[in-house]
């Protein structure tokens, strides 16, 4: 299978979602575009961090993701 993006936003919100997903056993991958841009010598401020999960875990994670989106 593959990875699917489930969230884009600030680093703090992405880490909060990552924590909630990890608590129920869903492994996540964070892609931090802000750090990549800084190391490359240019800036990026919008939707800087993305959260990815395995497609096969979506059914398990969907309700947590929806509850998180409604809470922000």
PDB file of N, CA and C in Angstrom:
ATOM      1  N   UNK A   1       0.835  -1.178   0.000  1.00  0.00           N
ATOM      2  CA  UNK A   1       0.000   0.000   0.000  1.00  0.00           C
ATOM      3  C   UNK A   1       0.878   1.238   0.000  1.00  0.00           C
ATOM      4  N   UNK A   2       0.309   2.366   0.440  1.00  0.00           N
ATOM      5  CA  UNK A   2       1.070   3.600   0.427  1.00  0.00           C
ATOM      6  C   UNK A   2       0.650   4.528   1.533  1.00  0.00           C
ATOM      7  N   UNK A   3       1.306   5.655   1.565  1.00  0.00           N
ATOM      8  CA  UNK A   3       0.982   6.672   2.559  1.00  0.00           C
ATOM      9  C   UNK A   3      -0.060   7.628   2.001  1.00  0.00           C
ATOM     10  N   UNK A   4      -0.908   8.122   2.900  1.00  0.00           N
ATOM     11  CA  UNK A   4      -1.889   9.130   2.504  1.00  0.00           C
ATOM     12  C   UNK A   4      -1.804  10.296   3.478  1.00  0.00           C
ATOM     13  N   UNK A   5      -1.912  11.509   2.934  1.00  0.00           N
ATOM     14  CA  UNK A   5      -1.858  12.711   3.769  1.00  0.00           C
ATOM     15  C   UNK A   5      -3.206  12.905   4.438  1.00  0.00           C
ATOM     16  N   UNK A   6      -3.185  13.095   5.769  1.00  0.00           N
ATOM     17  CA  UNK A   6      -4.427  13.295   6.506  1.00  0.00           C
ATOM     18  C   UNK A   6      -4.521  14.669   7.152  1.00  0.00           C
ATOM     19  N   UNK A   7      -3.406  15.433   7.134  1.00  0.00           N
ATOM     20  CA  UNK A   7      -3.436  16.753   7.757  1.00  0.00           C
ATOM     21  C   UNK A   7      -2.297  17.599   7.226  1.00  0.00           C
ATOM     22  N   UNK A   8      -2.552  18.897   7.066  1.00  0.00           N
ATOM     23  CA  UNK A   8      -1.530  19.897   6.762  1.00  0.00           C
ATOM     24  C   UNK A   8      -1.800  21.092   7.646  1.00  0.00           C
ATOM     25  N   UNK A   9      -0.777  21.593   8.295  1.00  0.00           N
ATOM     26  CA  UNK A   9      -0.963  22.750   9.151  1.00  0.00           C
ATOM     27  C   UNK A   9       0.289  23.094   9.914  1.00  0.00           C
ATOM     28  N   UNK A  10       0.099  23.740  11.053  1.00  0.00           N
ATOM     29  CA  UNK A  10       1.241  24.155  11.861  1.00  0.00           C
ATOM     30  C   UNK A  10       1.900  22.942  12.514  1.00  0.00           C
ATOM     31  N   UNK A  11       3.132  23.148  12.922  1.00  0.00           N
ATOM     32  CA  UNK A  11       3.887  22.057  13.547  1.00  0.00           C
ATOM     33  C   UNK A  11       3.244  21.603  14.856  1.00  0.00           C
ATOM     34  N   UNK A  12       2.728  22.529  15.629  1.00  0.00           N
ATOM     35  CA  UNK A  12       2.116  22.194  16.910  1.00  0.00           C
ATOM     36  C   UNK A  12       0.861  21.356  16.708  1.00  0.00           C
ATOM     37  N   UNK A  13       0.000  21.747  15.775  1.00  0.00           N
ATOM     38  CA  UNK A  13      -1.215  20.979  15.511  1.00  0.00           C
ATOM     39  C   UNK A  13      -0.888  19.607  14.931  1.00  0.00           C
ATOM     40  N   UNK A  14       0.101  19.546  14.054  1.00  0.00           N
ATOM     41  CA  UNK A  14       0.492  18.267  13.466  1.00  0.00           C
ATOM     42  C   UNK A  14       1.009  17.314  14.528  1.00  0.00           C
ATOM     43  N   UNK A  15       1.774  17.825  15.476  1.00  0.00           N
ATOM     44  CA  UNK A  15       2.285  16.974  16.548  1.00  0.00           C
ATOM     45  C   UNK A  15       1.172  16.520  17.479  1.00  0.00           C
ATOM     46  N   UNK A  16       0.170  17.379  17.701  1.00  0.00           N
ATOM     47  CA  UNK A  16      -0.975  17.003  18.538  1.00  0.00           C
ATOM     48  C   UNK A  16      -1.753  15.865  17.886  1.00  0.00           C
ATOM     49  N   UNK A  17      -1.986  15.956  16.579  1.00  0.00           N
ATOM     50  CA  UNK A  17      -2.681  14.882  15.869  1.00  0.00           C
ATOM     51  C   UNK A  17      -1.839  13.609  15.869  1.00  0.00           C
ATOM     52  N   UNK A  18      -0.547  13.752  15.653  1.00  0.00           N
ATOM     53  CA  UNK A  18       0.351  12.598  15.666  1.00  0.00           C
ATOM     54  C   UNK A  18       0.265  11.869  17.006  1.00  0.00           C
ATOM     55  N   UNK A  19       0.245  12.600  18.099  1.00  0.00           N
ATOM     56  CA  UNK A  19       0.142  12.004  19.425  1.00  0.00           C
ATOM     57  C   UNK A  19      -1.165  11.228  19.583  1.00  0.00           C
ATOM     58  N   UNK A  20      -2.269  11.820  19.161  1.00  0.00           N
ATOM     59  CA  UNK A  20      -3.572  11.140  19.266  1.00  0.00           C
ATOM     60  C   UNK A  20      -3.602   9.851  18.445  1.00  0.00           C
ATOM     61  N   UNK A  21      -3.036   9.895  17.255  1.00  0.00           N
ATOM     62  CA  UNK A  21      -3.024   8.704  16.406  1.00  0.00           C
ATOM     63  C   UNK A  21      -2.109   7.628  16.973  1.00  0.00           C
ATOM     64  N   UNK A  22      -0.962   8.035  17.493  1.00  0.00           N
ATOM     65  CA  UNK A  22      -0.037   7.063  18.075  1.00  0.00           C
ATOM     66  C   UNK A  22      -0.624   6.381  19.303  1.00  0.00           C
ATOM     67  N   UNK A  23      -1.463   7.088  20.048  1.00  0.00           N
ATOM     68  CA  UNK A  23      -2.092   6.517  21.240  1.00  0.00           C
ATOM     69  C   UNK A  23      -2.989   5.324  20.919  1.00  0.00           C
ATOM     70  N   UNK A  24      -3.565   5.289  19.710  1.00  0.00           N
ATOM     71  CA  UNK A  24      -4.423   4.166  19.323  1.00  0.00           C
ATOM     72  C   UNK A  24      -3.702   3.184  18.404  1.00  0.00           C
ATOM     73  N   UNK A  25      -2.382   3.354  18.273  1.00  0.00           N
ATOM     74  CA  UNK A  25      -1.591   2.390  17.518  1.00  0.00           C
ATOM     75  C   UNK A  25      -1.461   2.659  16.032  1.00  0.00           C
ATOM     76  N   UNK A  26      -1.785   3.879  15.603  1.00  0.00           N
ATOM     77  CA  UNK A  26      -1.639   4.232  14.191  1.00  0.00           C
ATOM     78  C   UNK A  26      -0.297   4.944  14.023  1.00  0.00           C
ATOM     79  N   UNK A  27       0.597   4.347  13.250  1.00  0.00           N
ATOM     80  CA  UNK A  27       1.901   4.946  12.999  1.00  0.00           C
ATOM     81  C   UNK A  27       1.756   6.113  12.029  1.00  0.00           C
ATOM     82  N   UNK A  28       2.509   7.171  12.280  1.00  0.00           N
ATOM     83  CA  UNK A  28       2.434   8.371  11.451  1.00  0.00           C
ATOM     84  C   UNK A  28       3.819   8.743  10.924  1.00  0.00           C
ATOM     85  N   UNK A  29       3.797   9.534   9.858  1.00  0.00           N
ATOM     86  CA  UNK A  29       5.013  10.118   9.305  1.00  0.00           C
ATOM     87  C   UNK A  29       4.770  11.611   9.189  1.00  0.00           C
ATOM     88  N   UNK A  30       5.679  12.412   9.756  1.00  0.00           N
ATOM     89  CA  UNK A  30       5.586  13.861   9.646  1.00  0.00           C
ATOM     90  C   UNK A  30       6.553  14.335   8.574  1.00  0.00           C
ATOM     91  N   UNK A  31       6.063  15.203   7.703  1.00  0.00           N
ATOM     92  CA  UNK A  31       6.913  15.846   6.707  1.00  0.00           C
ATOM     93  C   UNK A  31       6.938  17.327   7.057  1.00  0.00           C
ATOM     94  N   UNK A  32       8.095  17.785   7.514  1.00  0.00           N
ATOM     95  CA  UNK A  32       8.227  19.156   7.984  1.00  0.00           C
ATOM     96  C   UNK A  32       8.833  20.016   6.879  1.00  0.00           C
ATOM     97  N   UNK A  33       7.979  20.654   6.099  1.00  0.00           N
ATOM     98  CA  UNK A  33       8.431  21.502   4.999  1.00  0.00           C
ATOM     99  C   UNK A  33       9.118  22.769   5.496  1.00  0.00           C
ATOM    100  N   UNK A  34       8.779  23.203   6.701  1.00  0.00           N
ATOM    101  CA  UNK A  34       9.393  24.399   7.268  1.00  0.00           C
ATOM    102  C   UNK A  34      10.879  24.172   7.497  1.00  0.00           C
ATOM    103  N   UNK A  35      11.233  23.040   8.095  1.00  0.00           N
ATOM    104  CA  UNK A  35      12.645  22.728   8.331  1.00  0.00           C
ATOM    105  C   UNK A  35      13.380  22.521   7.010  1.00  0.00           C
ATOM    106  N   UNK A  36      12.730  21.864   6.065  1.00  0.00           N
ATOM    107  CA  UNK A  36      13.352  21.636   4.761  1.00  0.00           C
ATOM    108  C   UNK A  36      13.627  22.960   4.059  1.00  0.00           C
ATOM    109  N   UNK A  37      12.681  23.876   4.135  1.00  0.00           N
ATOM    110  CA  UNK A  37      12.858  25.181   3.495  1.00  0.00           C
ATOM    111  C   UNK A  37      13.972  25.972   4.169  1.00  0.00           C
ATOM    112  N   UNK A  38      14.002  25.917   5.488  1.00  0.00           N
ATOM    113  CA  UNK A  38      15.036  26.647   6.223  1.00  0.00           C
ATOM    114  C   UNK A  38      16.419  26.119   5.866  1.00  0.00           C
ATOM    115  N   UNK A  39      16.565  24.807   5.809  1.00  0.00           N
ATOM    116  CA  UNK A  39      17.857  24.228   5.456  1.00  0.00           C
ATOM    117  C   UNK A  39      18.245  24.526   4.012  1.00  0.00           C
ATOM    118  N   UNK A  40      17.243  24.711   3.162  1.00  0.00           N
ATOM    119  CA  UNK A  40      17.505  25.027   1.765  1.00  0.00           C
ATOM    120  C   UNK A  40      17.794  26.496   1.516  1.00  0.00           C
ATOM    121  N   UNK A  41      17.560  27.342   2.542  1.00  0.00           N
ATOM    122  CA  UNK A  41      17.885  28.754   2.409  1.00  0.00           C
ATOM    123  C   UNK A  41      16.730  29.635   2.000  1.00  0.00           C
ATOM    124  N   UNK A  42      15.513  29.114   2.025  1.00  0.00           N
ATOM    125  CA  UNK A  42      14.348  29.940   1.709  1.00  0.00           C
ATOM    126  C   UNK A  42      13.235  29.615   2.688  1.00  0.00           C
ATOM    127  N   UNK A  43      12.224  30.460   2.751  1.00  0.00           N
ATOM    128  CA  UNK A  43      11.170  30.306   3.742  1.00  0.00           C
ATOM    129  C   UNK A  43       9.893  29.729   3.176  1.00  0.00           C
ATOM    130  N   UNK A  44       9.076  29.167   4.059  1.00  0.00           N
ATOM    131  CA  UNK A  44       7.767  28.631   3.713  1.00  0.00           C
ATOM    132  C   UNK A  44       6.927  28.702   4.977  1.00  0.00           C
ATOM    133  N   UNK A  45       5.799  29.409   4.940  1.00  0.00           N
ATOM    134  CA  UNK A  45       5.041  29.603   6.162  1.00  0.00           C
ATOM    135  C   UNK A  45       3.668  28.939   6.181  1.00  0.00           C
ATOM    136  N   UNK A  46       3.105  28.601   5.048  1.00  0.00           N
ATOM    137  CA  UNK A  46       1.749  28.062   5.049  1.00  0.00           C
ATOM    138  C   UNK A  46       1.756  26.541   4.922  1.00  0.00           C
ATOM    139  N   UNK A  47       0.918  25.895   5.723  1.00  0.00           N
ATOM    140  CA  UNK A  47       0.782  24.444   5.703  1.00  0.00           C
ATOM    141  C   UNK A  47       2.155  23.766   5.728  1.00  0.00           C
ATOM    142  N   UNK A  48       2.935  24.151   6.710  1.00  0.00           N
ATOM    143  CA  UNK A  48       4.338  23.776   6.750  1.00  0.00           C
ATOM    144  C   UNK A  48       4.577  22.319   7.119  1.00  0.00           C
ATOM    145  N   UNK A  49       3.670  21.680   7.865  1.00  0.00           N
ATOM    146  CA  UNK A  49       3.890  20.312   8.324  1.00  0.00           C
ATOM    147  C   UNK A  49       2.718  19.444   7.884  1.00  0.00           C
ATOM    148  N   UNK A  50       3.050  18.289   7.339  1.00  0.00           N
ATOM    149  CA  UNK A  50       2.025  17.346   6.868  1.00  0.00           C
ATOM    150  C   UNK A  50       2.120  16.051   7.662  1.00  0.00           C
ATOM    151  N   UNK A  51       0.959  15.443   7.934  1.00  0.00           N
ATOM    152  CA  UNK A  51       0.892  14.170   8.639  1.00  0.00           C
ATOM    153  C   UNK A  51       0.397  13.116   7.656  1.00  0.00           C
ATOM    154  N   UNK A  52       1.126  12.012   7.584  1.00  0.00           N
ATOM    155  CA  UNK A  52       0.770  10.905   6.707  1.00  0.00           C
ATOM    156  C   UNK A  52       0.546   9.643   7.536  1.00  0.00           C
ATOM    157  N   UNK A  53      -0.373   8.781   7.061  1.00  0.00           N
ATOM    158  CA  UNK A  53      -0.573   7.463   7.651  1.00  0.00           C
ATOM    159  C   UNK A  53      -0.637   6.440   6.516  1.00  0.00           C
ATOM    160  N   UNK A  54      -0.502   5.177   6.867  1.00  0.00           N
ATOM    161  CA  UNK A  54      -0.671   4.107   5.885  1.00  0.00           C
ATOM    162  C   UNK A  54      -2.135   4.054   5.465  1.00  0.00           C
ATOM    163  N   UNK A  55      -2.386   3.838   4.191  1.00  0.00           N
ATOM    164  CA  UNK A  55      -3.765   3.762   3.686  1.00  0.00           C
ATOM    165  C   UNK A  55      -4.563   2.682   4.412  1.00  0.00           C
ATOM    166  N   UNK A  56      -3.917   1.592   4.780  1.00  0.00           N
ATOM    167  CA  UNK A  56      -4.604   0.482   5.438  1.00  0.00           C
ATOM    168  C   UNK A  56      -5.062   0.837   6.851  1.00  0.00           C
ATOM    169  N   UNK A  57      -4.519   1.909   7.429  1.00  0.00           N
ATOM    170  CA  UNK A  57      -4.879   2.336   8.782  1.00  0.00           C
ATOM    171  C   UNK A  57      -5.989   3.387   8.790  1.00  0.00           C
ATOM    172  N   UNK A  58      -6.465   3.798   7.621  1.00  0.00           N
ATOM    173  CA  UNK A  58      -7.419   4.901   7.558  1.00  0.00           C
ATOM    174  C   UNK A  58      -8.713   4.614   8.313  1.00  0.00           C
ATOM    175  N   UNK A  59      -9.240   3.427   8.198  1.00  0.00           N
ATOM    176  CA  UNK A  59     -10.495   3.097   8.894  1.00  0.00           C
ATOM    177  C   UNK A  59     -10.328   3.246  10.402  1.00  0.00           C
ATOM    178  N   UNK A  60      -9.191   2.871  10.902  1.00  0.00           N
ATOM    179  CA  UNK A  60      -8.897   2.961  12.331  1.00  0.00           C
ATOM    180  C   UNK A  60      -8.706   4.414  12.772  1.00  0.00           C
ATOM    181  N   UNK A  61      -8.154   5.238  11.891  1.00  0.00           N
ATOM    182  CA  UNK A  61      -7.785   6.610  12.241  1.00  0.00           C
ATOM    183  C   UNK A  61      -8.834   7.654  11.889  1.00  0.00           C
ATOM    184  N   UNK A  62      -9.774   7.326  11.035  1.00  0.00           N
ATOM    185  CA  UNK A  62     -10.701   8.316  10.493  1.00  0.00           C
ATOM    186  C   UNK A  62     -11.447   9.098  11.568  1.00  0.00           C
ATOM    187  N   UNK A  63     -12.022   8.420  12.549  1.00  0.00           N
ATOM    188  CA  UNK A  63     -12.802   9.118  13.572  1.00  0.00           C
ATOM    189  C   UNK A  63     -11.922  10.044  14.404  1.00  0.00           C
ATOM    190  N   UNK A  64     -10.707   9.625  14.702  1.00  0.00           N
ATOM    191  CA  UNK A  64      -9.783  10.463  15.468  1.00  0.00           C
ATOM    192  C   UNK A  64      -9.434  11.717  14.675  1.00  0.00           C
ATOM    193  N   UNK A  65      -9.193  11.565  13.376  1.00  0.00           N
ATOM    194  CA  UNK A  65      -8.858  12.700  12.523  1.00  0.00           C
ATOM    195  C   UNK A  65     -10.027  13.674  12.452  1.00  0.00           C
ATOM    196  N   UNK A  66     -11.233  13.159  12.269  1.00  0.00           N
ATOM    197  CA  UNK A  66     -12.408  14.022  12.186  1.00  0.00           C
ATOM    198  C   UNK A  66     -12.652  14.759  13.497  1.00  0.00           C
ATOM    199  N   UNK A  67     -12.539  14.061  14.632  1.00  0.00           N
ATOM    200  CA  UNK A  67     -12.712  14.705  15.938  1.00  0.00           C
ATOM    201  C   UNK A  67     -11.659  15.801  16.147  1.00  0.00           C
ATOM    202  N   UNK A  68     -10.430  15.526  15.712  1.00  0.00           N
ATOM    203  CA  UNK A  68      -9.355  16.512  15.840  1.00  0.00           C
ATOM    204  C   UNK A  68      -9.658  17.747  15.007  1.00  0.00           C
ATOM    205  N   UNK A  69     -10.098  17.551  13.772  1.00  0.00           N
ATOM    206  CA  UNK A  69     -10.409  18.694  12.894  1.00  0.00           C
ATOM    207  C   UNK A  69     -11.534  19.547  13.460  1.00  0.00           C
ATOM    208  N   UNK A  70     -12.526  18.901  14.074  1.00  0.00           N
ATOM    209  CA  UNK A  70     -13.640  19.649  14.657  1.00  0.00           C
ATOM    210  C   UNK A  70     -13.224  20.422  15.913  1.00  0.00           C
ATOM    211  N   UNK A  71     -12.175  19.936  16.586  1.00  0.00           N
ATOM    212  CA  UNK A  71     -11.740  20.572  17.831  1.00  0.00           C
ATOM    213  C   UNK A  71     -10.842  21.785  17.594  1.00  0.00           C
ATOM    214  N   UNK A  72     -10.332  21.955  16.373  1.00  0.00           N
ATOM    215  CA  UNK A  72      -9.427  23.100  16.139  1.00  0.00           C
ATOM    216  C   UNK A  72     -10.148  24.260  15.491  1.00  0.00           C
TER     217      UNK A  72
END
